[in-house]
Structures are given as C-alpha cells and as structure tokens.
Amino acid sequence: MYSTLAIERDGAVATIWMNRPEVFNAFNEELIADLTDACLALDNNPAVRVVVLAGRGKHFSAGADLNWMRRAANASEADNLQDARRFARMLRTLSGLSKPTLARVQGGALGGGTGLAAACDMAVASSDAVFSTSEVKFGIIPSVISPYVLRAIGARHALRYFQSGERISAERALAIGLVGEVAAPEQLDAAVAALVQTLLAGAPSAQRAAKELIAAVHGRPIDDTTMEQTARRIAAQRATPEGRDGVAAFLDKRPPVWMAG
C-alpha cells in the first residue's frame, strides 16, 4: 500500500515500519506523505488500539534524506515553506492520534528522527540508540520538531541540545525524558511488547480522554476554570459505557468489556 512503509497488524496493535533501511529510514516527501496517510487511516480504524512506530534495519531514522536536503538548499523560501508545512502536518497527525502511540527506537534517531520519537506519546529505546537535534551544525534550526522535543525534555535541556547539536545517548535520553525506557538490543521487542500489553488493559475511550485532558490542562494555572473543567471531564467519563462497566467490572472481579475478548 505504501512504498516507504510496511504496516503490520497483530490483533489490536498496528506497527508502522519505516521501510527505507538502505538510507537509514531518512525521510523525504514520499515518506512524509505516506506516514501522514497511514496515521490517519489507523486512527480511523476502531480495531486498532495501539500504534507502534519503528524503523527497519539498523537505525530508527537518520532524519532528512540527503537528496531532500540538497533540494531544499537550492529551493526558494516559498518552496521550503511548503515542505516544512507538510512535515509539520505529519508530526501533528502522529502526535494527535486518539490512541496510544509508541516509538520503538534503535540505532540513530537523528534530527527529524528525534522529532518522530518525541511526537509519539512514549518511546522505548535500545541501549545502542543515539539521538540529536543537530540542525545547527548545518546552519539551520530544529524548528518543526521543536514543540514535541520541548514537550519531552523541557526548555532547559533544549537550550543546550538545540545549540550544541551534540549526540544524546540512550541513557542520557532516559535521564532527560526523551525516552521512557531503555532496553538491551536483544530485549527491545520484549520491552515494547510489555508496554503494549499494559496499554491494551486501558479503556480506549478513557485513553483518548486522557490525552485530551493533558492537552487541556498542561501549563494552565490551577484556578476555578481548571477545577471546573477537570470536574466536568471526570463526570462525563464516568457516564460513558466504558466508565460504568470499568467500575462494575472492578467491583464484580471480572474483566471489563474492552478486555473480555
């Protein structure tokens, strides 16, 4: 279906494999378009509960394709703006999925590859993974990926890494919040699978509402408006079929409907 991606389904879990291992899954116009379309399709599929983003071969993603960078360097500002808008839309589509998203990172996740990992809700990295926001070394800035990387690591760390462009080891990425877990290379798939199983135990509508809650509350003052909004959100969720069955299932010591299978 896609020339740059391979989509695998295992029950309620969909894995999007970036499938350009010969260029370390560097992205170009085609991969950006394919990934945007795949995310939209999987988000609209109610049978999919969790989306994993991964890269074939030795590396997650080396960032921008060299030929794409060469074209951009010779393009007009207007053409560069259109390219940047497409990339920004892809990242927002990935970040805005209504279901949990998980990056499976091995090898290099450089430049835009770091952005892809940060745009997912969570990331599990192999101990050999390396990240960077190295754009300043090419005379540019990590602009389009910045909202997602800032969300993950905060402004203080971003001030360092956006300006230094230095490599970030997997352990350092864990320490600053870029990834949530690090596993030995041979244990990476097991670590991803364990987290996926944990995610599948949650109610789909509650997970969607939880993502919306974070977006609505993060950065807001704890004032009357925030208090009222959070009260309304929990009241609405309790009244949903999943909310009612989840409480009943706990009291009755039985699996909730979304896990009854």
Protein backbone atom coordinates (compact mmCIF):
# COMPACT_ATOMS: atom_id res chain seq x y z
CA MET A 1 0.00 0.00 0.00
CA TYR A 2 2.91 2.36 0.75
CA SER A 3 6.26 2.44 -1.00
CA THR A 4 8.14 3.77 2.06
CA LEU A 5 6.28 1.97 4.85
CA ALA A 6 5.26 -1.52 5.88
CA ILE A 7 2.21 -1.85 8.15
CA GLU A 8 1.92 -4.92 10.37
CA ARG A 9 -1.14 -5.87 12.39
CA ASP A 10 -1.12 -8.12 15.44
CA GLY A 11 -4.63 -8.07 16.81
CA ALA A 12 -5.34 -4.57 18.11
CA VAL A 13 -1.72 -3.44 17.65
CA ALA A 14 -0.52 -1.81 14.43
CA THR A 15 3.18 -1.29 13.78
CA ILE A 16 4.23 1.28 11.20
CA TRP A 17 7.66 0.27 9.92
CA MET A 18 9.58 2.99 8.13
CA ASN A 19 10.94 0.84 5.32
CA ARG A 20 13.93 2.60 3.78
CA PRO A 21 16.78 0.77 5.52
CA GLU A 22 19.18 1.48 2.67
CA VAL A 23 19.14 5.18 3.68
CA PHE A 24 18.64 4.53 7.40
CA ASN A 25 14.93 5.41 7.11
CA ALA A 26 15.72 9.01 6.25
CA PHE A 27 12.56 10.82 5.26
CA ASN A 28 11.70 12.60 2.06
CA GLU A 29 8.49 13.95 0.57
CA GLU A 30 7.16 10.46 -0.10
CA LEU A 31 7.76 9.07 3.39
CA ILE A 32 6.22 12.20 4.92
CA ALA A 33 3.10 11.79 2.79
CA ASP A 34 2.89 8.04 3.44
CA LEU A 35 3.30 8.44 7.20
CA THR A 36 0.64 11.15 7.32
CA ASP A 37 -1.80 8.95 5.42
CA ALA A 38 -1.02 5.83 7.46
CA CYS A 39 -1.55 7.65 10.76
CA LEU A 40 -4.91 8.99 9.60
CA ALA A 41 -6.02 5.56 8.39
CA LEU A 42 -5.02 3.79 11.61
CA ASP A 43 -6.59 6.48 13.77
CA ASN A 44 -9.87 5.98 11.94
CA ASN A 45 -9.75 2.19 12.38
CA PRO A 46 -11.60 1.25 15.60
CA ALA A 47 -9.99 -2.20 15.61
CA VAL A 48 -6.58 -0.61 16.20
CA ARG A 49 -5.91 0.15 19.85
CA VAL A 50 -2.16 0.94 19.90
CA VAL A 51 0.17 2.27 17.18
CA VAL A 52 3.91 1.50 17.27
CA LEU A 53 6.32 3.50 15.08
CA ALA A 54 9.51 1.66 14.16
CA GLY A 55 12.29 1.60 11.58
CA ARG A 56 13.57 -1.35 9.56
CA GLY A 57 17.27 -2.13 9.67
CA LYS A 58 19.95 -0.83 11.99
CA HIS A 59 18.52 2.65 12.55
CA PHE A 60 15.20 4.17 13.55
CA SER A 61 15.61 7.25 11.34
CA ALA A 62 18.60 9.31 10.27
CA GLY A 63 16.40 12.37 9.79
CA ALA A 64 16.17 14.16 6.49
CA ASP A 65 17.16 12.38 3.29
CA LEU A 66 20.33 13.87 1.76
CA ASN A 67 18.69 14.39 -1.62
CA TRP A 68 15.76 16.09 0.06
CA MET A 69 18.17 18.36 1.96
CA ARG A 70 20.01 19.17 -1.29
CA ARG A 71 16.76 20.13 -2.99
CA ALA A 72 15.76 22.24 0.00
CA ALA A 73 19.08 24.07 0.00
CA ASN A 74 18.52 25.12 -3.61
CA ALA A 75 14.79 25.82 -3.29
CA SER A 76 13.10 29.15 -2.75
CA GLU A 77 11.82 30.23 0.66
CA ALA A 78 8.27 29.67 -0.59
CA ASP A 79 9.04 26.09 -1.64
CA ASN A 80 10.82 25.44 1.65
CA LEU A 81 7.76 26.72 3.48
CA GLN A 82 5.52 24.22 1.71
CA ASP A 83 7.92 21.38 2.53
CA ALA A 84 8.06 22.45 6.17
CA ARG A 85 4.28 22.65 6.37
CA ARG A 86 3.93 19.06 5.10
CA PHE A 87 6.46 17.85 7.66
CA ALA A 88 4.71 19.81 10.41
CA ARG A 89 1.36 18.31 9.44
CA MET A 90 2.81 14.80 9.56
CA LEU A 91 4.22 15.31 13.06
CA ARG A 92 0.97 16.85 14.31
CA THR A 93 -1.01 13.95 12.83
CA LEU A 94 1.24 11.44 14.59
CA SER A 95 1.14 13.37 17.85
CA GLY A 96 -2.61 13.89 17.65
CA LEU A 97 -3.67 10.27 17.25
CA SER A 98 -6.59 9.47 19.54
CA LYS A 99 -4.95 6.23 20.71
CA PRO A 100 -1.60 5.47 22.36
CA THR A 101 1.50 5.81 20.18
CA LEU A 102 4.85 4.25 20.99
CA ALA A 103 8.21 4.77 19.29
CA ARG A 104 10.50 1.72 19.09
CA VAL A 105 13.96 3.24 18.68
CA GLN A 106 17.22 1.52 17.76
CA GLY A 107 20.43 2.94 16.33
CA GLY A 108 20.27 6.50 15.08
CA ALA A 109 17.29 8.77 15.69
CA LEU A 110 18.84 11.96 14.40
CA GLY A 111 17.35 15.38 13.67
CA GLY A 112 13.85 14.70 12.46
CA GLY A 113 14.23 11.14 13.76
CA THR A 114 14.41 12.61 17.25
CA GLY A 115 11.30 14.59 16.38
CA LEU A 116 9.43 11.44 15.35
CA ALA A 117 10.29 9.74 18.64
CA ALA A 118 9.24 12.82 20.61
CA ALA A 119 5.96 13.16 18.69
CA CYS A 120 4.88 9.73 19.92
CA ASP A 121 3.25 9.51 23.34
CA MET A 122 6.10 7.38 24.66
CA ALA A 123 9.34 5.83 23.47
CA VAL A 124 11.32 2.71 24.28
CA ALA A 125 14.94 2.80 23.12
CA SER A 126 17.62 0.22 22.63
CA SER A 127 20.74 0.89 24.68
CA ASP A 128 22.57 1.49 21.40
CA ALA A 129 20.19 4.29 20.35
CA VAL A 130 21.59 7.76 19.70
CA PHE A 131 19.57 10.98 19.40
CA SER A 132 20.44 14.51 18.32
CA THR A 133 19.00 17.86 17.34
CA SER A 134 21.99 18.54 15.14
CA GLU A 135 20.42 21.11 12.81
CA VAL A 136 22.67 23.99 13.93
CA LYS A 137 25.63 22.09 12.52
CA PHE A 138 24.04 22.56 9.09
CA GLY A 139 23.18 26.21 9.64
CA ILE A 140 19.50 25.55 10.32
CA ILE A 141 17.29 25.01 13.37
CA PRO A 142 15.09 22.14 14.68
CA SER A 143 12.04 24.31 14.22
CA VAL A 144 9.26 21.95 13.14
CA ILE A 145 10.21 19.26 15.67
CA SER A 146 10.67 21.76 18.50
CA PRO A 147 7.14 21.58 20.03
CA TYR A 148 7.46 17.82 20.52
CA VAL A 149 11.07 17.77 21.72
CA LEU A 150 10.35 20.67 24.12
CA ARG A 151 7.32 18.78 25.43
CA ALA A 152 9.57 15.80 26.12
CA ILE A 153 12.72 17.37 27.57
CA GLY A 154 11.74 20.91 28.61
CA ALA A 155 13.26 24.26 27.74
CA ARG A 156 16.40 23.96 29.87
CA HIS A 157 17.67 20.81 28.14
CA ALA A 158 16.51 22.13 24.76
CA LEU A 159 18.64 25.25 25.23
CA ARG A 160 21.68 23.00 25.42
CA TYR A 161 20.95 20.45 22.74
CA PHE A 162 19.35 22.79 20.18
CA GLN A 163 22.52 24.91 20.30
CA SER A 164 25.20 22.26 20.74
CA GLY A 165 23.81 19.67 18.34
CA GLU A 166 25.67 17.04 20.34
CA ARG A 167 24.77 13.36 20.34
CA ILE A 168 22.49 12.13 23.13
CA SER A 169 23.00 8.56 24.32
CA ALA A 170 20.08 6.31 25.21
CA GLU A 171 20.86 6.62 28.91
CA ARG A 172 21.04 10.41 28.67
CA ALA A 173 17.77 10.43 26.69
CA LEU A 174 16.19 8.46 29.53
CA ALA A 175 17.51 10.91 32.12
CA ILE A 176 16.13 13.99 30.35
CA GLY A 177 12.75 12.48 29.47
CA LEU A 178 13.17 11.94 25.74
CA VAL A 179 12.50 8.21 26.21
CA GLY A 180 10.72 6.40 29.00
CA GLU A 181 12.60 3.14 28.98
CA VAL A 182 15.92 1.71 27.74
CA ALA A 183 16.45 -1.99 26.97
CA ALA A 184 19.34 -4.09 25.75
CA PRO A 185 19.13 -4.56 21.95
CA GLU A 186 18.04 -8.18 22.27
CA GLN A 187 15.33 -7.15 24.76
CA LEU A 188 13.92 -4.19 22.82
CA ASP A 189 10.98 -6.04 21.28
CA ALA A 190 10.11 -7.66 24.62
CA ALA A 191 10.13 -4.26 26.33
CA VAL A 192 7.89 -2.80 23.62
CA ALA A 193 5.52 -5.78 23.85
CA ALA A 194 5.27 -5.48 27.63
CA LEU A 195 4.35 -1.81 27.42
CA VAL A 196 1.84 -2.51 24.65
CA GLN A 197 0.12 -5.11 26.82
CA THR A 198 -0.13 -2.58 29.63
CA LEU A 199 -1.72 -0.09 27.23
CA LEU A 200 -4.23 -2.66 25.99
CA ALA A 201 -5.52 -3.02 29.56
CA GLY A 202 -6.82 0.55 29.49
CA ALA A 203 -10.20 1.57 28.13
CA PRO A 204 -9.97 3.07 24.62
CA SER A 205 -12.30 5.99 25.30
CA ALA A 206 -10.58 6.72 28.61
CA GLN A 207 -7.17 6.77 26.92
CA ARG A 208 -8.47 9.18 24.31
CA ALA A 209 -9.98 11.35 27.03
CA ALA A 210 -6.72 11.19 29.00
CA LYS A 211 -4.77 12.56 26.03
CA GLU A 212 -7.32 15.34 25.62
CA LEU A 213 -7.11 16.07 29.36
CA ILE A 214 -3.34 16.52 29.25
CA ALA A 215 -3.59 18.87 26.28
CA ALA A 216 -6.27 20.92 28.03
CA VAL A 217 -4.68 21.14 31.48
CA HIS A 218 -0.92 21.27 30.86
CA GLY A 219 0.51 24.71 31.53
CA ARG A 220 -2.71 26.16 32.87
CA PRO A 221 -2.97 27.78 36.30
CA ILE A 222 -4.80 25.75 38.94
CA ASP A 223 -7.71 28.16 39.09
CA ASP A 224 -11.51 27.91 39.19
CA THR A 225 -11.69 27.38 35.43
CA THR A 226 -9.26 24.46 35.54
CA MET A 227 -11.00 22.94 38.56
CA GLU A 228 -14.37 23.16 36.82
CA GLN A 229 -13.01 21.72 33.58
CA THR A 230 -11.42 18.73 35.31
CA ALA A 231 -14.60 18.08 37.30
CA ARG A 232 -16.68 18.13 34.12
CA ARG A 233 -14.28 15.80 32.31
CA ILE A 234 -14.32 13.11 35.01
CA ALA A 235 -18.11 13.38 35.36
CA ALA A 236 -18.52 12.92 31.59
CA GLN A 237 -16.15 9.95 31.51
CA ARG A 238 -17.87 8.23 34.44
CA ALA A 239 -21.12 8.39 32.49
CA THR A 240 -19.72 6.63 29.41
CA PRO A 241 -20.45 2.91 28.84
CA GLU A 242 -16.78 2.13 29.43
CA GLY A 243 -16.68 4.22 32.57
CA ARG A 244 -19.73 2.48 34.00
CA ASP A 245 -18.54 -1.01 33.03
CA GLY A 246 -14.99 -0.39 34.28
CA VAL A 247 -16.16 0.35 37.80
CA ALA A 248 -18.68 -2.51 37.73
CA ALA A 249 -16.02 -4.93 36.45
CA PHE A 250 -13.67 -3.97 39.28
CA LEU A 251 -16.38 -4.50 41.89
CA ASP A 252 -17.55 -7.76 40.29
CA LYS A 253 -13.96 -9.03 39.92
CA ARG A 254 -14.33 -9.66 36.18
CA PRO A 255 -12.57 -8.34 33.07
CA PRO A 256 -14.04 -5.09 31.66
CA VAL A 257 -15.73 -5.24 28.27
CA TRP A 258 -12.69 -3.92 26.36
CA MET A 259 -10.62 -6.86 27.66
CA ALA A 260 -13.28 -9.56 27.59
CA GLY A 261 -12.20 -10.56 24.07
